[in-house]
Amino acid sequence: MKRIAVLQSNYIPWKGYFDIIRSVDEFIIYDDTQYTKRDWRNRNLIKTRQGLKWLTIPVKVKGRFTQTVNETRISNYKWAEKHWKAITYHYNKARYFNIYQDLFEKTYKKASNLEYLSEINLLFIAIINQILGIHTKISSSTEYLLRGDKNHKIISVCQQTGADTYITGPSAKKYIMETLFLKAGIKIEYFNYEGYPQYEQQFGSFCHNVSIIDLIFSTGQKANLYLKSSR
C-alpha cells in the first residue's frame, strides 16, 4: 500500500496543506505547471490587530499562460526582510514566538538569496515539516514523466511511484474522472478539511484559513496535534 498526493507549492501554507503531507507516503510538488496570479503560490495570510493581512512575494510575470511555477522568478529581493518584520511585529507576543524566532529569521535570510519562487516555497515547507515532525518523502513532478491531461498526469505519477491510493482536496472533484483511476487500479480519497480544533489565537474571532505559522507561534510543540492526521 502506498499513498501519494500531488499539489503545487504554496508560500508558508495553511495547516491543511501540511495535514495532507503528513497523511501520505510521498508528496509530489507539482511545480512544472502553469503559474497562476493572485493565488497561494506566492502569498498567504496572517492575523493582525487590523484583521487578516496578505504577505505576498513579488514575482516577475511574463504574460498569460507563458510560465510555469518553477520558472517564476522573484522581482524584488527585499520582500523577505519586509515579511519577517511584519511577522515579528504581529506575532512577537504570541506564546511560542520566541522559541522559533531564530529559526524563522535564519530561514528568511536564506530565502532572500534565492531566485526562484519554487525554491523559496520548498525551503519553508521543509523547515515547517521539521517543526511538525513530518518525515514524508518530498519529490518534484519534474522527476517523473507526465503526459496527457490532468487526470492522466496524476495516474502516471501514481503508476511511476507505485502508489495505489491518491489523496487530494475536495476541489479536485470538479475535474477528477474517477473511472479512469479505477481502471488503473488506483483508489481516490478526498481529504476532508472540516473539523479542525480551534486553539488560543491572537486578535479577535478565530480563523482557520491562515498560514501554519499562526498555529506554530500559538501552540509550539503541540502544533502537530492540531492536524487531523495526528489523531
C-alpha atoms as a PDB file:
ATOM      1  CA  MET A   1       0.000   0.000   0.000  1.00  0.00           C
ATOM      2  CA  LYS A   2       1.326   3.450  -0.936  1.00  0.00           C
ATOM      3  CA  ARG A   3      -0.461   6.772  -0.655  1.00  0.00           C
ATOM      4  CA  ILE A   4       0.620   9.880  -2.529  1.00  0.00           C
ATOM      5  CA  ALA A   5      -0.590  13.448  -3.010  1.00  0.00           C
ATOM      6  CA  VAL A   6       0.239  15.900  -5.796  1.00  0.00           C
ATOM      7  CA  LEU A   7      -0.085  19.622  -5.077  1.00  0.00           C
ATOM      8  CA  GLN A   8       1.519  22.831  -6.268  1.00  0.00           C
ATOM      9  CA  SER A   9       3.842  24.501  -3.796  1.00  0.00           C
ATOM     10  CA  ASN A  10       2.414  27.310  -1.682  1.00  0.00           C
ATOM     11  CA  TYR A  11       4.122  30.036   0.315  1.00  0.00           C
ATOM     12  CA  ILE A  12       4.036  29.266   4.075  1.00  0.00           C
ATOM     13  CA  PRO A  13       0.824  27.212   3.543  1.00  0.00           C
ATOM     14  CA  TRP A  14      -2.060  26.706   5.942  1.00  0.00           C
ATOM     15  CA  LYS A  15      -2.340  23.663   8.230  1.00  0.00           C
ATOM     16  CA  GLY A  16      -4.476  21.669   5.763  1.00  0.00           C
ATOM     17  CA  TYR A  17      -1.562  21.578   3.315  1.00  0.00           C
ATOM     18  CA  PHE A  18       0.731  20.004   5.907  1.00  0.00           C
ATOM     19  CA  ASP A  19      -2.033  17.697   7.050  1.00  0.00           C
ATOM     20  CA  ILE A  20      -2.123  16.179   3.557  1.00  0.00           C
ATOM     21  CA  ILE A  21       1.675  15.894   3.516  1.00  0.00           C
ATOM     22  CA  ARG A  22       1.576  14.004   6.796  1.00  0.00           C
ATOM     23  CA  SER A  23      -1.207  11.733   5.515  1.00  0.00           C
ATOM     24  CA  VAL A  24       0.787  10.263   2.608  1.00  0.00           C
ATOM     25  CA  ASP A  25       3.935   8.248   1.972  1.00  0.00           C
ATOM     26  CA  GLU A  26       5.179  10.560  -0.783  1.00  0.00           C
ATOM     27  CA  PHE A  27       4.221  14.148  -1.520  1.00  0.00           C
ATOM     28  CA  ILE A  28       4.876  15.382  -5.063  1.00  0.00           C
ATOM     29  CA  ILE A  29       5.212  19.118  -5.596  1.00  0.00           C
ATOM     30  CA  TYR A  30       3.643  19.888  -8.956  1.00  0.00           C
ATOM     31  CA  ASP A  31       5.584  22.984  -9.968  1.00  0.00           C
ATOM     32  CA  ASP A  32       6.149  22.428 -13.693  1.00  0.00           C
ATOM     33  CA  THR A  33       2.574  23.538 -14.268  1.00  0.00           C
ATOM     34  CA  GLN A  34       1.219  26.969 -15.156  1.00  0.00           C
ATOM     35  CA  TYR A  35       1.777  29.757 -12.642  1.00  0.00           C
ATOM     36  CA  THR A  36      -1.489  31.381 -11.577  1.00  0.00           C
ATOM     37  CA  LYS A  37      -1.760  35.001 -10.470  1.00  0.00           C
ATOM     38  CA  ARG A  38      -3.394  36.070  -7.197  1.00  0.00           C
ATOM     39  CA  ASP A  39      -3.163  32.524  -5.880  1.00  0.00           C
ATOM     40  CA  TRP A  40      -1.492  30.760  -2.954  1.00  0.00           C
ATOM     41  CA  ARG A  41       1.722  30.119  -4.899  1.00  0.00           C
ATOM     42  CA  ASN A  42       3.367  33.373  -3.737  1.00  0.00           C
ATOM     43  CA  ARG A  43       1.211  34.638  -0.877  1.00  0.00           C
ATOM     44  CA  ASN A  44      -0.571  33.733   2.337  1.00  0.00           C
ATOM     45  CA  LEU A  45      -2.491  35.249   5.224  1.00  0.00           C
ATOM     46  CA  ILE A  46      -1.525  36.141   8.778  1.00  0.00           C
ATOM     47  CA  LYS A  47      -3.662  37.564  11.577  1.00  0.00           C
ATOM     48  CA  THR A  48      -3.177  41.128  12.802  1.00  0.00           C
ATOM     49  CA  ARG A  49      -4.987  43.582  15.063  1.00  0.00           C
ATOM     50  CA  GLN A  50      -6.365  45.178  11.903  1.00  0.00           C
ATOM     51  CA  GLY A  51      -7.626  41.871  10.529  1.00  0.00           C
ATOM     52  CA  LEU A  52      -6.185  39.418   8.011  1.00  0.00           C
ATOM     53  CA  LYS A  53      -3.083  40.583   6.133  1.00  0.00           C
ATOM     54  CA  TRP A  54      -1.583  39.221   2.913  1.00  0.00           C
ATOM     55  CA  LEU A  55       2.142  38.510   2.779  1.00  0.00           C
ATOM     56  CA  THR A  56       2.952  38.441  -0.934  1.00  0.00           C
ATOM     57  CA  ILE A  57       6.247  37.585  -2.625  1.00  0.00           C
ATOM     58  CA  PRO A  58       6.694  39.881  -5.657  1.00  0.00           C
ATOM     59  CA  VAL A  59       7.361  37.880  -8.816  1.00  0.00           C
ATOM     60  CA  LYS A  60       8.099  38.527 -12.476  1.00  0.00           C
ATOM     61  CA  VAL A  61       5.238  37.528 -14.746  1.00  0.00           C
ATOM     62  CA  LYS A  62       5.964  37.228 -18.478  1.00  0.00           C
ATOM     63  CA  GLY A  63       2.379  37.133 -19.580  1.00  0.00           C
ATOM     64  CA  ARG A  64      -0.683  34.962 -19.552  1.00  0.00           C
ATOM     65  CA  PHE A  65      -0.160  31.186 -19.936  1.00  0.00           C
ATOM     66  CA  THR A  66       3.562  31.580 -20.612  1.00  0.00           C
ATOM     67  CA  GLN A  67       5.382  30.426 -17.490  1.00  0.00           C
ATOM     68  CA  THR A  68       5.340  27.568 -15.020  1.00  0.00           C
ATOM     69  CA  VAL A  69       5.639  27.864 -11.260  1.00  0.00           C
ATOM     70  CA  ASN A  70       9.237  26.644 -11.262  1.00  0.00           C
ATOM     71  CA  GLU A  71      10.140  29.229 -13.919  1.00  0.00           C
ATOM     72  CA  THR A  72       8.773  32.098 -11.833  1.00  0.00           C
ATOM     73  CA  ARG A  73      11.463  34.462 -10.568  1.00  0.00           C
ATOM     74  CA  ILE A  74      11.441  36.948  -7.710  1.00  0.00           C
ATOM     75  CA  SER A  75      11.182  40.601  -8.755  1.00  0.00           C
ATOM     76  CA  ASN A  76      12.224  42.311  -5.508  1.00  0.00           C
ATOM     77  CA  TYR A  77      14.721  40.738  -3.132  1.00  0.00           C
ATOM     78  CA  LYS A  78      13.738  42.957  -0.191  1.00  0.00           C
ATOM     79  CA  TRP A  79      10.494  41.006   0.198  1.00  0.00           C
ATOM     80  CA  ALA A  80      11.976  38.646   2.813  1.00  0.00           C
ATOM     81  CA  GLU A  81      13.055  41.455   5.121  1.00  0.00           C
ATOM     82  CA  LYS A  82       9.608  43.081   4.861  1.00  0.00           C
ATOM     83  CA  HIS A  83       7.790  39.814   5.540  1.00  0.00           C
ATOM     84  CA  TRP A  84       9.915  38.973   8.554  1.00  0.00           C
ATOM     85  CA  LYS A  85       9.394  42.463  10.007  1.00  0.00           C
ATOM     86  CA  ALA A  86       5.639  42.092   9.572  1.00  0.00           C
ATOM     87  CA  ILE A  87       5.638  38.638  11.182  1.00  0.00           C
ATOM     88  CA  THR A  88       7.764  39.856  14.077  1.00  0.00           C
ATOM     89  CA  TYR A  89       5.557  42.901  14.640  1.00  0.00           C
ATOM     90  CA  HIS A  90       2.306  40.936  14.690  1.00  0.00           C
ATOM     91  CA  TYR A  91       3.479  37.735  16.413  1.00  0.00           C
ATOM     92  CA  ASN A  92       6.183  38.867  18.840  1.00  0.00           C
ATOM     93  CA  LYS A  93       3.753  38.475  21.753  1.00  0.00           C
ATOM     94  CA  ALA A  94       2.445  35.092  20.646  1.00  0.00           C
ATOM     95  CA  ARG A  95       3.088  32.486  23.331  1.00  0.00           C
ATOM     96  CA  TYR A  96       5.743  30.449  21.478  1.00  0.00           C
ATOM     97  CA  PHE A  97       7.147  33.024  19.060  1.00  0.00           C
ATOM     98  CA  ASN A  98      10.485  33.300  20.898  1.00  0.00           C
ATOM     99  CA  ILE A  99      11.111  29.564  20.562  1.00  0.00           C
ATOM    100  CA  TYR A 100      11.012  29.693  16.753  1.00  0.00           C
ATOM    101  CA  GLN A 101      12.178  33.252  16.189  1.00  0.00           C
ATOM    102  CA  ASP A 102      15.805  32.433  15.352  1.00  0.00           C
ATOM    103  CA  LEU A 103      14.916  29.546  13.057  1.00  0.00           C
ATOM    104  CA  PHE A 104      12.467  31.592  11.005  1.00  0.00           C
ATOM    105  CA  GLU A 105      14.736  34.630  10.923  1.00  0.00           C
ATOM    106  CA  LYS A 106      17.561  32.495   9.507  1.00  0.00           C
ATOM    107  CA  THR A 107      15.172  30.926   7.003  1.00  0.00           C
ATOM    108  CA  TYR A 108      14.008  34.331   5.764  1.00  0.00           C
ATOM    109  CA  LYS A 109      17.615  35.481   5.395  1.00  0.00           C
ATOM    110  CA  LYS A 110      18.381  32.363   3.364  1.00  0.00           C
ATOM    111  CA  ALA A 111      15.223  32.842   1.280  1.00  0.00           C
ATOM    112  CA  SER A 112      16.257  36.411   0.424  1.00  0.00           C
ATOM    113  CA  ASN A 113      19.143  34.992  -1.634  1.00  0.00           C
ATOM    114  CA  LEU A 114      17.001  32.626  -3.695  1.00  0.00           C
ATOM    115  CA  GLU A 115      15.979  33.494  -7.241  1.00  0.00           C
ATOM    116  CA  TYR A 116      13.000  31.228  -7.891  1.00  0.00           C
ATOM    117  CA  LEU A 117       9.625  31.057  -6.131  1.00  0.00           C
ATOM    118  CA  SER A 118       9.642  27.248  -6.067  1.00  0.00           C
ATOM    119  CA  GLU A 119      12.949  27.240  -4.197  1.00  0.00           C
ATOM    120  CA  ILE A 120      11.569  29.596  -1.566  1.00  0.00           C
ATOM    121  CA  ASN A 121       8.367  27.611  -1.092  1.00  0.00           C
ATOM    122  CA  LEU A 122      10.252  24.332  -0.792  1.00  0.00           C
ATOM    123  CA  LEU A 123      12.630  25.865   1.774  1.00  0.00           C
ATOM    124  CA  PHE A 124       9.773  26.898   4.042  1.00  0.00           C
ATOM    125  CA  ILE A 125       7.889  23.632   3.532  1.00  0.00           C
ATOM    126  CA  ALA A 126      10.991  21.694   4.611  1.00  0.00           C
ATOM    127  CA  ILE A 127      11.545  23.838   7.719  1.00  0.00           C
ATOM    128  CA  ILE A 128       7.891  23.625   8.763  1.00  0.00           C
ATOM    129  CA  ASN A 129       7.853  19.845   8.196  1.00  0.00           C
ATOM    130  CA  GLN A 130      10.833  19.690  10.531  1.00  0.00           C
ATOM    131  CA  ILE A 131       8.991  21.682  13.207  1.00  0.00           C
ATOM    132  CA  LEU A 132       5.887  19.498  12.892  1.00  0.00           C
ATOM    133  CA  GLY A 133       7.846  16.246  12.905  1.00  0.00           C
ATOM    134  CA  ILE A 134       6.708  15.298   9.401  1.00  0.00           C
ATOM    135  CA  HIS A 135       9.056  12.859   7.636  1.00  0.00           C
ATOM    136  CA  THR A 136       7.118  12.269   4.421  1.00  0.00           C
ATOM    137  CA  LYS A 137       9.232  11.932   1.275  1.00  0.00           C
ATOM    138  CA  ILE A 138       9.031  15.152  -0.781  1.00  0.00           C
ATOM    139  CA  SER A 139       9.501  14.857  -4.549  1.00  0.00           C
ATOM    140  CA  SER A 140       9.162  17.128  -7.557  1.00  0.00           C
ATOM    141  CA  SER A 141       6.921  16.454 -10.533  1.00  0.00           C
ATOM    142  CA  THR A 142       9.988  17.089 -12.713  1.00  0.00           C
ATOM    143  CA  GLU A 143      11.348  13.754 -11.512  1.00  0.00           C
ATOM    144  CA  TYR A 144       8.539  11.955 -13.333  1.00  0.00           C
ATOM    145  CA  LEU A 145       7.313  11.741 -16.918  1.00  0.00           C
ATOM    146  CA  LEU A 146       3.904  13.413 -17.134  1.00  0.00           C
ATOM    147  CA  ARG A 147       1.768  13.312 -20.263  1.00  0.00           C
ATOM    148  CA  GLY A 148      -1.835  13.991 -21.211  1.00  0.00           C
ATOM    149  CA  ASP A 149      -4.484  15.932 -19.290  1.00  0.00           C
ATOM    150  CA  LYS A 150      -4.671  16.441 -15.516  1.00  0.00           C
ATOM    151  CA  ASN A 151      -6.157  13.013 -14.897  1.00  0.00           C
ATOM    152  CA  HIS A 152      -3.650  11.084 -16.980  1.00  0.00           C
ATOM    153  CA  LYS A 153      -0.727  13.003 -15.485  1.00  0.00           C
ATOM    154  CA  ILE A 154      -1.777  12.091 -11.965  1.00  0.00           C
ATOM    155  CA  ILE A 155      -2.433   8.475 -12.916  1.00  0.00           C
ATOM    156  CA  SER A 156       1.019   8.396 -14.488  1.00  0.00           C
ATOM    157  CA  VAL A 157       2.630   9.690 -11.277  1.00  0.00           C
ATOM    158  CA  CYS A 158       0.753   7.100  -9.231  1.00  0.00           C
ATOM    159  CA  GLN A 159       1.987   4.328 -11.521  1.00  0.00           C
ATOM    160  CA  GLN A 160       5.587   5.567 -11.552  1.00  0.00           C
ATOM    161  CA  THR A 161       5.698   5.864  -7.757  1.00  0.00           C
ATOM    162  CA  GLY A 162       3.967   2.537  -7.208  1.00  0.00           C
ATOM    163  CA  ALA A 163       1.032   4.202  -5.439  1.00  0.00           C
ATOM    164  CA  ASP A 164      -2.376   2.573  -5.226  1.00  0.00           C
ATOM    165  CA  THR A 165      -4.086   5.455  -3.400  1.00  0.00           C
ATOM    166  CA  TYR A 166      -4.254   9.105  -4.442  1.00  0.00           C
ATOM    167  CA  ILE A 167      -5.120  11.735  -1.811  1.00  0.00           C
ATOM    168  CA  THR A 168      -6.457  15.091  -2.984  1.00  0.00           C
ATOM    169  CA  GLY A 169      -8.533  18.031  -1.812  1.00  0.00           C
ATOM    170  CA  PRO A 170     -12.312  18.222  -2.321  1.00  0.00           C
ATOM    171  CA  SER A 171     -11.971  20.869  -5.054  1.00  0.00           C
ATOM    172  CA  ALA A 172     -10.458  18.195  -7.322  1.00  0.00           C
ATOM    173  CA  LYS A 173     -13.929  16.675  -7.690  1.00  0.00           C
ATOM    174  CA  LYS A 174     -14.506  19.292 -10.394  1.00  0.00           C
ATOM    175  CA  TYR A 175     -12.113  17.584 -12.809  1.00  0.00           C
ATOM    176  CA  ILE A 176     -11.256  14.125 -11.465  1.00  0.00           C
ATOM    177  CA  MET A 177     -12.581  11.303 -13.650  1.00  0.00           C
ATOM    178  CA  GLU A 178     -12.809   8.542 -11.090  1.00  0.00           C
ATOM    179  CA  THR A 179     -13.494   5.825 -13.672  1.00  0.00           C
ATOM    180  CA  LEU A 180     -10.029   6.359 -15.193  1.00  0.00           C
ATOM    181  CA  PHE A 181      -8.405   5.862 -11.805  1.00  0.00           C
ATOM    182  CA  LEU A 182     -10.460   2.774 -11.046  1.00  0.00           C
ATOM    183  CA  LYS A 183      -9.444   1.221 -14.375  1.00  0.00           C
ATOM    184  CA  ALA A 184      -5.816   1.882 -13.453  1.00  0.00           C
ATOM    185  CA  GLY A 185      -6.329   0.248 -10.055  1.00  0.00           C
ATOM    186  CA  ILE A 186      -5.922   3.488  -8.128  1.00  0.00           C
ATOM    187  CA  LYS A 187      -8.171   4.470  -5.247  1.00  0.00           C
ATOM    188  CA  ILE A 188      -9.071   8.142  -4.734  1.00  0.00           C
ATOM    189  CA  GLU A 189      -9.535   9.660  -1.284  1.00  0.00           C
ATOM    190  CA  TYR A 190     -10.765  13.242  -0.880  1.00  0.00           C
ATOM    191  CA  PHE A 191      -9.217  14.915   2.115  1.00  0.00           C
ATOM    192  CA  ASN A 192     -11.736  16.482   4.483  1.00  0.00           C
ATOM    193  CA  TYR A 193     -10.669  19.926   5.702  1.00  0.00           C
ATOM    194  CA  GLU A 194     -13.578  20.256   8.118  1.00  0.00           C
ATOM    195  CA  GLY A 195     -13.494  19.689  11.875  1.00  0.00           C
ATOM    196  CA  TYR A 196     -10.147  21.232  12.801  1.00  0.00           C
ATOM    197  CA  PRO A 197      -9.982  22.095  16.504  1.00  0.00           C
ATOM    198  CA  GLN A 198      -9.521  25.714  17.490  1.00  0.00           C
ATOM    199  CA  TYR A 199      -6.600  26.926  19.574  1.00  0.00           C
ATOM    200  CA  GLU A 200      -5.788  30.073  21.507  1.00  0.00           C
ATOM    201  CA  GLN A 201      -5.326  32.579  18.686  1.00  0.00           C
ATOM    202  CA  GLN A 202      -4.496  36.276  18.762  1.00  0.00           C
ATOM    203  CA  PHE A 203      -6.614  39.178  17.571  1.00  0.00           C
ATOM    204  CA  GLY A 204     -10.349  38.577  17.692  1.00  0.00           C
ATOM    205  CA  SER A 205     -12.512  35.782  16.343  1.00  0.00           C
ATOM    206  CA  PHE A 206     -10.885  32.525  15.304  1.00  0.00           C
ATOM    207  CA  CYS A 207      -9.799  31.979  11.688  1.00  0.00           C
ATOM    208  CA  HIS A 208      -8.613  28.624  10.301  1.00  0.00           C
ATOM    209  CA  ASN A 209      -7.513  29.827   6.860  1.00  0.00           C
ATOM    210  CA  VAL A 210      -4.220  31.448   7.789  1.00  0.00           C
ATOM    211  CA  SER A 211      -0.595  30.382   7.406  1.00  0.00           C
ATOM    212  CA  ILE A 212       0.607  27.478   9.550  1.00  0.00           C
ATOM    213  CA  ILE A 213       2.991  29.884  11.284  1.00  0.00           C
ATOM    214  CA  ASP A 214      -0.017  31.175  13.237  1.00  0.00           C
ATOM    215  CA  LEU A 215      -0.560  27.691  14.675  1.00  0.00           C
ATOM    216  CA  ILE A 216       3.152  27.195  15.377  1.00  0.00           C
ATOM    217  CA  PHE A 217       3.620  30.503  17.191  1.00  0.00           C
ATOM    218  CA  SER A 218       0.396  29.920  19.147  1.00  0.00           C
ATOM    219  CA  THR A 219       0.792  26.279  20.207  1.00  0.00           C
ATOM    220  CA  GLY A 220       4.515  25.493  19.935  1.00  0.00           C
ATOM    221  CA  GLN A 221       5.483  21.823  20.099  1.00  0.00           C
ATOM    222  CA  LYS A 222       1.816  20.847  20.281  1.00  0.00           C
ATOM    223  CA  ALA A 223       1.147  22.253  16.790  1.00  0.00           C
ATOM    224  CA  ASN A 224       1.152  18.824  15.160  1.00  0.00           C
ATOM    225  CA  LEU A 225      -1.649  17.712  17.492  1.00  0.00           C
ATOM    226  CA  TYR A 226      -3.961  20.145  15.695  1.00  0.00           C
ATOM    227  CA  LEU A 227      -3.526  18.244  12.420  1.00  0.00           C
ATOM    228  CA  LYS A 228      -6.251  15.703  11.787  1.00  0.00           C
ATOM    229  CA  SER A 229      -3.692  13.153  10.562  1.00  0.00           C
ATOM    230  CA  SER A 230      -2.198  13.025  14.072  1.00  0.00           C
ATOM    231  CA  ARG A 231      -5.393  11.642  15.592  1.00  0.00           C
END
